[in-house]
């Protein structure tokens, strides 16, 4: 992660999330609402990561060092994923952007 390009508030939030997740290795991970890719990249260091993000504007500011699969879309793309095919699902800082939270 390039800490110089990430705002301080976001860097702090990411570090808190990393600590809460702990060390994850050799897992298949879904990052739903992947934003600018920082979390996906972090997790992709030791895992296979599929990232889904509906807002194409987030891709202009993509920040990543490790490779992962990025899918553009929202719930329709989530529904295409095979059920029970992920070991870990990450979905953070998403509900505040959802129009229909139900």
C-alpha atoms as a PDB file:
ATOM      1  CA  UNK A   1       0.000   0.000   0.000  1.00  0.00           C
ATOM      2  CA  UNK A   2       1.359   3.400  -0.926  1.00  0.00           C
ATOM      3  CA  UNK A   3       0.633   5.305   2.275  1.00  0.00           C
ATOM      4  CA  UNK A   4       1.573   8.677   0.778  1.00  0.00           C
ATOM      5  CA  UNK A   5      -1.347   8.616  -1.669  1.00  0.00           C
ATOM      6  CA  UNK A   6      -4.013   7.603   0.851  1.00  0.00           C
ATOM      7  CA  UNK A   7      -5.708  10.273   3.003  1.00  0.00           C
ATOM      8  CA  UNK A   8      -4.836   9.952   6.694  1.00  0.00           C
ATOM      9  CA  UNK A   9      -8.427   9.110   7.757  1.00  0.00           C
ATOM     10  CA  UNK A  10      -8.608   6.303   5.175  1.00  0.00           C
ATOM     11  CA  UNK A  11      -5.204   4.942   6.124  1.00  0.00           C
ATOM     12  CA  UNK A  12      -6.262   4.761   9.783  1.00  0.00           C
ATOM     13  CA  UNK A  13      -9.521   3.027   8.846  1.00  0.00           C
ATOM     14  CA  UNK A  14      -7.661   0.487   6.684  1.00  0.00           C
ATOM     15  CA  UNK A  15      -5.164  -0.284   9.455  1.00  0.00           C
ATOM     16  CA  UNK A  16      -8.021  -0.878  11.911  1.00  0.00           C
ATOM     17  CA  UNK A  17      -9.714  -3.210   9.422  1.00  0.00           C
ATOM     18  CA  UNK A  18      -6.462  -5.093   8.725  1.00  0.00           C
ATOM     19  CA  UNK A  19      -6.008  -5.645  12.456  1.00  0.00           C
ATOM     20  CA  UNK A  20      -9.589  -6.844  12.881  1.00  0.00           C
ATOM     21  CA  UNK A  21      -9.240  -9.301   9.985  1.00  0.00           C
ATOM     22  CA  UNK A  22      -5.985 -10.726  11.256  1.00  0.00           C
ATOM     23  CA  UNK A  23      -3.658 -12.751   9.037  1.00  0.00           C
ATOM     24  CA  UNK A  24      -5.529 -14.497   6.225  1.00  0.00           C
ATOM     25  CA  UNK A  25      -3.634 -16.883   3.929  1.00  0.00           C
ATOM     26  CA  UNK A  26      -4.523 -19.231   1.093  1.00  0.00           C
ATOM     27  CA  UNK A  27      -8.207 -18.290   0.996  1.00  0.00           C
ATOM     28  CA  UNK A  28     -10.663 -17.286  -1.715  1.00  0.00           C
ATOM     29  CA  UNK A  29     -11.971 -13.841  -0.777  1.00  0.00           C
ATOM     30  CA  UNK A  30     -14.797 -11.653  -2.074  1.00  0.00           C
ATOM     31  CA  UNK A  31     -14.388  -7.908  -1.533  1.00  0.00           C
ATOM     32  CA  UNK A  32     -17.828  -6.470  -2.266  1.00  0.00           C
ATOM     33  CA  UNK A  33     -17.785  -2.702  -2.642  1.00  0.00           C
ATOM     34  CA  UNK A  34     -14.052  -2.729  -3.280  1.00  0.00           C
ATOM     35  CA  UNK A  35     -13.711   1.008  -3.890  1.00  0.00           C
ATOM     36  CA  UNK A  36     -10.228   2.017  -4.984  1.00  0.00           C
ATOM     37  CA  UNK A  37      -8.810  -1.481  -4.485  1.00  0.00           C
ATOM     38  CA  UNK A  38      -6.642  -0.898  -1.415  1.00  0.00           C
ATOM     39  CA  UNK A  39      -8.266  -3.645   0.660  1.00  0.00           C
ATOM     40  CA  UNK A  40      -8.399  -6.061  -2.283  1.00  0.00           C
ATOM     41  CA  UNK A  41      -4.714  -5.514  -2.976  1.00  0.00           C
ATOM     42  CA  UNK A  42      -3.804  -6.007   0.679  1.00  0.00           C
ATOM     43  CA  UNK A  43      -5.737  -9.283   0.826  1.00  0.00           C
ATOM     44  CA  UNK A  44      -4.416 -10.435  -2.572  1.00  0.00           C
ATOM     45  CA  UNK A  45      -0.881 -10.654  -1.203  1.00  0.00           C
ATOM     46  CA  UNK A  46      -1.559 -14.182   0.126  1.00  0.00           C
ATOM     47  CA  UNK A  47      -5.022 -14.974  -1.289  1.00  0.00           C
ATOM     48  CA  UNK A  48      -7.182 -15.185  -4.402  1.00  0.00           C
ATOM     49  CA  UNK A  49      -9.379 -12.075  -4.385  1.00  0.00           C
ATOM     50  CA  UNK A  50     -12.464 -11.259  -6.443  1.00  0.00           C
ATOM     51  CA  UNK A  51     -13.468  -7.598  -6.070  1.00  0.00           C
ATOM     52  CA  UNK A  52     -16.838  -6.165  -7.088  1.00  0.00           C
ATOM     53  CA  UNK A  53     -17.387  -2.396  -7.308  1.00  0.00           C
ATOM     54  CA  UNK A  54     -20.379  -0.669  -8.935  1.00  0.00           C
ATOM     55  CA  UNK A  55     -18.906   2.842  -9.162  1.00  0.00           C
ATOM     56  CA  UNK A  56     -16.639   3.116 -12.206  1.00  0.00           C
ATOM     57  CA  UNK A  57     -15.341   6.462 -10.923  1.00  0.00           C
ATOM     58  CA  UNK A  58     -13.479   4.546  -8.195  1.00  0.00           C
ATOM     59  CA  UNK A  59     -11.254   2.905 -10.807  1.00  0.00           C
ATOM     60  CA  UNK A  60      -9.581   6.161 -11.824  1.00  0.00           C
ATOM     61  CA  UNK A  61      -8.007   6.238  -8.357  1.00  0.00           C
ATOM     62  CA  UNK A  62      -7.157   2.526  -8.118  1.00  0.00           C
ATOM     63  CA  UNK A  63      -4.418   1.902  -5.592  1.00  0.00           C
ATOM     64  CA  UNK A  64      -2.945  -1.560  -5.605  1.00  0.00           C
ATOM     65  CA  UNK A  65       0.285  -3.522  -5.611  1.00  0.00           C
ATOM     66  CA  UNK A  66      -0.992  -7.108  -5.691  1.00  0.00           C
ATOM     67  CA  UNK A  67      -3.093  -8.649  -8.466  1.00  0.00           C
ATOM     68  CA  UNK A  68      -6.774  -9.455  -8.013  1.00  0.00           C
ATOM     69  CA  UNK A  69      -9.826  -9.838 -10.252  1.00  0.00           C
ATOM     70  CA  UNK A  70     -11.851  -6.618 -10.465  1.00  0.00           C
ATOM     71  CA  UNK A  71     -15.478  -6.835 -11.609  1.00  0.00           C
ATOM     72  CA  UNK A  72     -17.543  -3.747 -12.411  1.00  0.00           C
ATOM     73  CA  UNK A  73     -21.084  -4.052 -11.072  1.00  0.00           C
ATOM     74  CA  UNK A  74     -23.248  -4.387  -8.026  1.00  0.00           C
ATOM     75  CA  UNK A  75     -25.749  -6.904  -6.725  1.00  0.00           C
ATOM     76  CA  UNK A  76     -26.309  -8.373 -10.197  1.00  0.00           C
ATOM     77  CA  UNK A  77     -22.618  -9.378 -10.305  1.00  0.00           C
ATOM     78  CA  UNK A  78     -22.760 -10.653  -6.744  1.00  0.00           C
ATOM     79  CA  UNK A  79     -25.664 -12.934  -7.694  1.00  0.00           C
ATOM     80  CA  UNK A  80     -23.542 -14.428 -10.509  1.00  0.00           C
ATOM     81  CA  UNK A  81     -20.971 -15.747  -8.036  1.00  0.00           C
ATOM     82  CA  UNK A  82     -21.211 -19.421  -7.133  1.00  0.00           C
ATOM     83  CA  UNK A  83     -22.859 -19.874  -3.747  1.00  0.00           C
ATOM     84  CA  UNK A  84     -20.534 -20.839  -0.915  1.00  0.00           C
ATOM     85  CA  UNK A  85     -17.451 -20.405  -3.124  1.00  0.00           C
ATOM     86  CA  UNK A  86     -15.654 -17.900  -0.867  1.00  0.00           C
ATOM     87  CA  UNK A  87     -13.840 -18.533   2.389  1.00  0.00           C
ATOM     88  CA  UNK A  88     -14.054 -14.868   3.427  1.00  0.00           C
ATOM     89  CA  UNK A  89     -16.367 -12.018   2.374  1.00  0.00           C
ATOM     90  CA  UNK A  90     -15.370  -8.430   3.083  1.00  0.00           C
ATOM     91  CA  UNK A  91     -17.990  -5.701   2.755  1.00  0.00           C
ATOM     92  CA  UNK A  92     -17.039  -2.543   4.601  1.00  0.00           C
ATOM     93  CA  UNK A  93     -17.871   1.111   4.077  1.00  0.00           C
ATOM     94  CA  UNK A  94     -20.654   0.088   1.715  1.00  0.00           C
ATOM     95  CA  UNK A  95     -24.016   0.646   3.427  1.00  0.00           C
ATOM     96  CA  UNK A  96     -23.551   4.392   3.630  1.00  0.00           C
ATOM     97  CA  UNK A  97     -23.544   4.448  -0.195  1.00  0.00           C
ATOM     98  CA  UNK A  98     -26.499   2.068  -0.706  1.00  0.00           C
ATOM     99  CA  UNK A  99     -29.699   3.697  -1.899  1.00  0.00           C
ATOM    100  CA  UNK A 100     -31.939   0.787  -0.839  1.00  0.00           C
ATOM    101  CA  UNK A 101     -30.453  -0.599   2.356  1.00  0.00           C
ATOM    102  CA  UNK A 102     -33.151  -3.223   2.789  1.00  0.00           C
END
